[in-house]
């Protein structure tokens, strides 16, 4: 097990376009003994309702959505490039069918009972503040529906307050 050190989110120095959009992240929810994770490349970091926040998007069909919906907290974990295969695996297999942590050679750790992969180098522990189901009627650009939701598998946007930020 690695030793993670908490740090102030105000000291974070990262480019969210690279961290999320290019390097990806792993969302984990549940408990240390019953968790699921999934790879994400859509999301953001910022301030919402006066709180440091993370924004993640999860499709209705994803197994991890069940875990996030059942729990008040989730983690967002970032890795170095050596974990690209693990992130690919977690983004292309369902936890309904396999133990993603085992198959991707990741170890579940936890902070305050909130699971995250021990191999991460940066972890954000978040408390859900809102869950907003996206609906095509709200799209100003109607091409979004055709390009991203032809199968009607819509996303829910989760807004989470960043409670703990830690790195190793």
Protein backbone atom coordinates (compact mmCIF):
# COMPACT_ATOMS: atom_id res chain seq x y z
CA UNK A 1 0.00 0.00 0.00
CA UNK A 2 1.17 3.47 -0.86
CA UNK A 3 1.16 6.38 1.52
CA UNK A 4 -1.02 9.20 0.29
CA UNK A 5 -0.53 12.67 1.69
CA UNK A 6 -3.40 15.12 1.82
CA UNK A 7 -2.84 18.52 0.25
CA UNK A 8 -4.93 21.61 -0.25
CA UNK A 9 -6.92 21.53 -3.47
CA UNK A 10 -5.86 25.17 -3.84
CA UNK A 11 -2.28 23.92 -4.36
CA UNK A 12 -3.21 21.61 -7.24
CA UNK A 13 -1.37 22.39 -10.44
CA UNK A 14 -2.85 20.47 -13.34
CA UNK A 15 -4.40 21.05 -16.70
CA UNK A 16 -7.88 19.43 -16.60
CA UNK A 17 -7.96 19.24 -20.40
CA UNK A 18 -4.91 17.00 -20.31
CA UNK A 19 -5.67 15.14 -17.08
CA UNK A 20 -9.21 14.19 -18.07
CA UNK A 21 -9.35 14.49 -21.82
CA UNK A 22 -6.02 12.92 -22.74
CA UNK A 23 -4.68 11.04 -19.71
CA UNK A 24 -8.12 9.94 -18.42
CA UNK A 25 -9.20 9.17 -14.87
CA UNK A 26 -10.85 6.36 -12.96
CA UNK A 27 -14.11 6.91 -11.10
CA UNK A 28 -14.66 4.53 -8.17
CA UNK A 29 -17.70 4.18 -5.92
CA UNK A 30 -18.96 1.70 -3.37
CA UNK A 31 -16.99 0.36 -0.42
CA UNK A 32 -13.57 -1.21 -0.04
CA UNK A 33 -15.24 -4.63 -0.20
CA UNK A 34 -17.84 -3.91 -2.89
CA UNK A 35 -16.67 -1.32 -5.38
CA UNK A 36 -16.70 -0.72 -9.09
CA UNK A 37 -14.69 1.62 -11.25
CA UNK A 38 -14.80 3.02 -14.74
CA UNK A 39 -12.54 5.09 -16.93
CA UNK A 40 -13.67 8.60 -17.82
CA UNK A 41 -12.39 11.20 -20.22
CA UNK A 42 -15.27 13.66 -19.91
CA UNK A 43 -15.56 15.91 -16.92
CA UNK A 44 -14.18 18.98 -15.29
CA UNK A 45 -12.90 20.70 -12.19
CA UNK A 46 -13.99 24.08 -10.93
CA UNK A 47 -16.13 25.88 -8.42
CA UNK A 48 -19.88 25.30 -7.99
CA UNK A 49 -22.09 26.71 -5.26
CA UNK A 50 -19.01 28.18 -3.60
CA UNK A 51 -17.28 24.79 -3.30
CA UNK A 52 -14.33 23.24 -5.07
CA UNK A 53 -16.00 20.72 -7.33
CA UNK A 54 -15.56 17.95 -9.85
CA UNK A 55 -18.00 17.24 -12.68
CA UNK A 56 -18.28 13.73 -14.07
CA UNK A 57 -20.56 12.21 -16.67
CA UNK A 58 -21.78 8.59 -16.57
CA UNK A 59 -24.05 6.86 -19.04
CA UNK A 60 -27.22 5.15 -17.85
CA UNK A 61 -25.94 1.75 -19.02
CA UNK A 62 -22.75 1.81 -16.94
CA UNK A 63 -22.56 -0.50 -13.93
CA UNK A 64 -20.59 2.09 -11.95
CA UNK A 65 -23.63 4.38 -12.14
CA UNK A 66 -25.47 2.00 -9.79
CA UNK A 67 -22.67 2.40 -7.24
CA UNK A 68 -22.59 6.19 -7.53
CA UNK A 69 -26.38 6.40 -7.26
CA UNK A 70 -26.36 4.25 -4.08
CA UNK A 71 -23.58 6.19 -2.35
CA UNK A 72 -23.04 9.79 -1.32
CA UNK A 73 -19.33 9.77 -2.18
CA UNK A 74 -17.00 8.70 -4.99
CA UNK A 75 -13.36 9.06 -5.91
CA UNK A 76 -11.61 10.35 -9.01
CA UNK A 77 -8.13 8.92 -9.48
CA UNK A 78 -5.35 9.93 -11.85
CA UNK A 79 -2.40 7.79 -12.93
CA UNK A 80 0.88 8.04 -14.75
CA UNK A 81 1.17 6.75 -18.32
CA UNK A 82 2.33 3.30 -17.18
CA UNK A 83 -1.29 2.53 -16.19
CA UNK A 84 -2.76 3.25 -19.64
CA UNK A 85 -3.52 -0.47 -20.22
CA UNK A 86 -5.34 -0.69 -16.88
CA UNK A 87 -7.41 2.38 -17.76
CA UNK A 88 -8.16 0.93 -21.19
CA UNK A 89 -9.30 -2.30 -19.55
CA UNK A 90 -11.52 -0.53 -17.00
CA UNK A 91 -13.11 1.53 -19.77
CA UNK A 92 -13.89 -1.43 -22.02
CA UNK A 93 -15.12 -4.12 -19.60
CA UNK A 94 -18.12 -4.22 -17.31
CA UNK A 95 -17.87 -4.85 -13.59
CA UNK A 96 -21.06 -6.86 -13.98
CA UNK A 97 -18.98 -9.53 -15.71
CA UNK A 98 -15.49 -9.28 -14.16
CA UNK A 99 -13.64 -7.90 -11.17
CA UNK A 100 -12.03 -4.95 -12.91
CA UNK A 101 -9.59 -4.26 -10.11
CA UNK A 102 -8.23 -7.79 -10.23
CA UNK A 103 -8.16 -8.01 -14.02
CA UNK A 104 -6.46 -4.60 -14.38
CA UNK A 105 -3.96 -5.43 -11.59
CA UNK A 106 -5.23 -2.60 -9.39
CA UNK A 107 -5.54 -2.70 -5.60
CA UNK A 108 -8.48 -1.19 -3.76
CA UNK A 109 -7.49 1.22 -1.01
CA UNK A 110 -9.83 3.50 0.91
CA UNK A 111 -9.95 6.77 2.77
CA UNK A 112 -12.83 7.31 5.19
CA UNK A 113 -14.37 4.15 3.69
CA UNK A 114 -14.31 5.58 0.16
CA UNK A 115 -12.55 3.28 -2.32
CA UNK A 116 -9.86 4.28 -4.79
CA UNK A 117 -7.06 2.47 -6.62
CA UNK A 118 -3.86 2.38 -4.57
CA UNK A 119 -1.79 2.75 -7.75
CA UNK A 120 -3.10 6.25 -8.48
CA UNK A 121 -0.80 9.22 -8.01
CA UNK A 122 -3.56 11.78 -7.38
CA UNK A 123 -6.95 11.09 -5.79
CA UNK A 124 -9.93 13.37 -5.25
CA UNK A 125 -12.58 12.23 -2.78
CA UNK A 126 -15.92 13.82 -3.66
CA UNK A 127 -19.34 14.11 -2.07
CA UNK A 128 -22.28 14.24 -4.47
CA UNK A 129 -24.03 17.58 -4.53
CA UNK A 130 -26.17 17.03 -7.63
CA UNK A 131 -27.10 14.43 -10.21
CA UNK A 132 -28.50 15.94 -13.40
CA UNK A 133 -29.82 13.68 -16.14
CA UNK A 134 -28.99 15.08 -19.56
CA UNK A 135 -31.93 15.33 -21.90
CA UNK A 136 -31.81 15.99 -25.63
CA UNK A 137 -34.37 18.78 -25.24
CA UNK A 138 -31.69 20.82 -23.45
CA UNK A 139 -29.10 20.52 -26.24
CA UNK A 140 -28.63 23.84 -28.01
CA UNK A 141 -26.55 22.06 -30.64
CA UNK A 142 -28.91 19.41 -32.00
CA UNK A 143 -25.99 17.53 -33.63
CA UNK A 144 -24.96 16.36 -30.14
CA UNK A 145 -27.85 13.90 -30.02
CA UNK A 146 -26.96 12.29 -33.34
CA UNK A 147 -23.22 12.22 -32.70
CA UNK A 148 -23.12 11.05 -29.07
CA UNK A 149 -26.54 9.63 -28.23
CA UNK A 150 -27.85 7.83 -31.30
CA UNK A 151 -28.53 4.83 -29.04
CA UNK A 152 -30.28 7.02 -26.41
CA UNK A 153 -27.78 5.95 -23.72
CA UNK A 154 -27.71 9.37 -22.07
CA UNK A 155 -25.32 10.64 -19.43
CA UNK A 156 -26.03 11.81 -15.93
CA UNK A 157 -23.82 14.68 -14.80
CA UNK A 158 -22.68 14.36 -11.21
CA UNK A 159 -21.38 17.40 -9.39
CA UNK A 160 -19.23 16.47 -6.43
CA UNK A 161 -17.69 18.66 -3.77
CA UNK A 162 -14.01 17.81 -3.44
CA UNK A 163 -13.65 16.88 0.23
CA UNK A 164 -10.14 15.44 0.21
CA UNK A 165 -7.29 15.73 -2.29
CA UNK A 166 -4.27 13.51 -1.82
CA UNK A 167 -1.20 12.47 -3.74
CA UNK A 168 1.69 10.10 -3.33
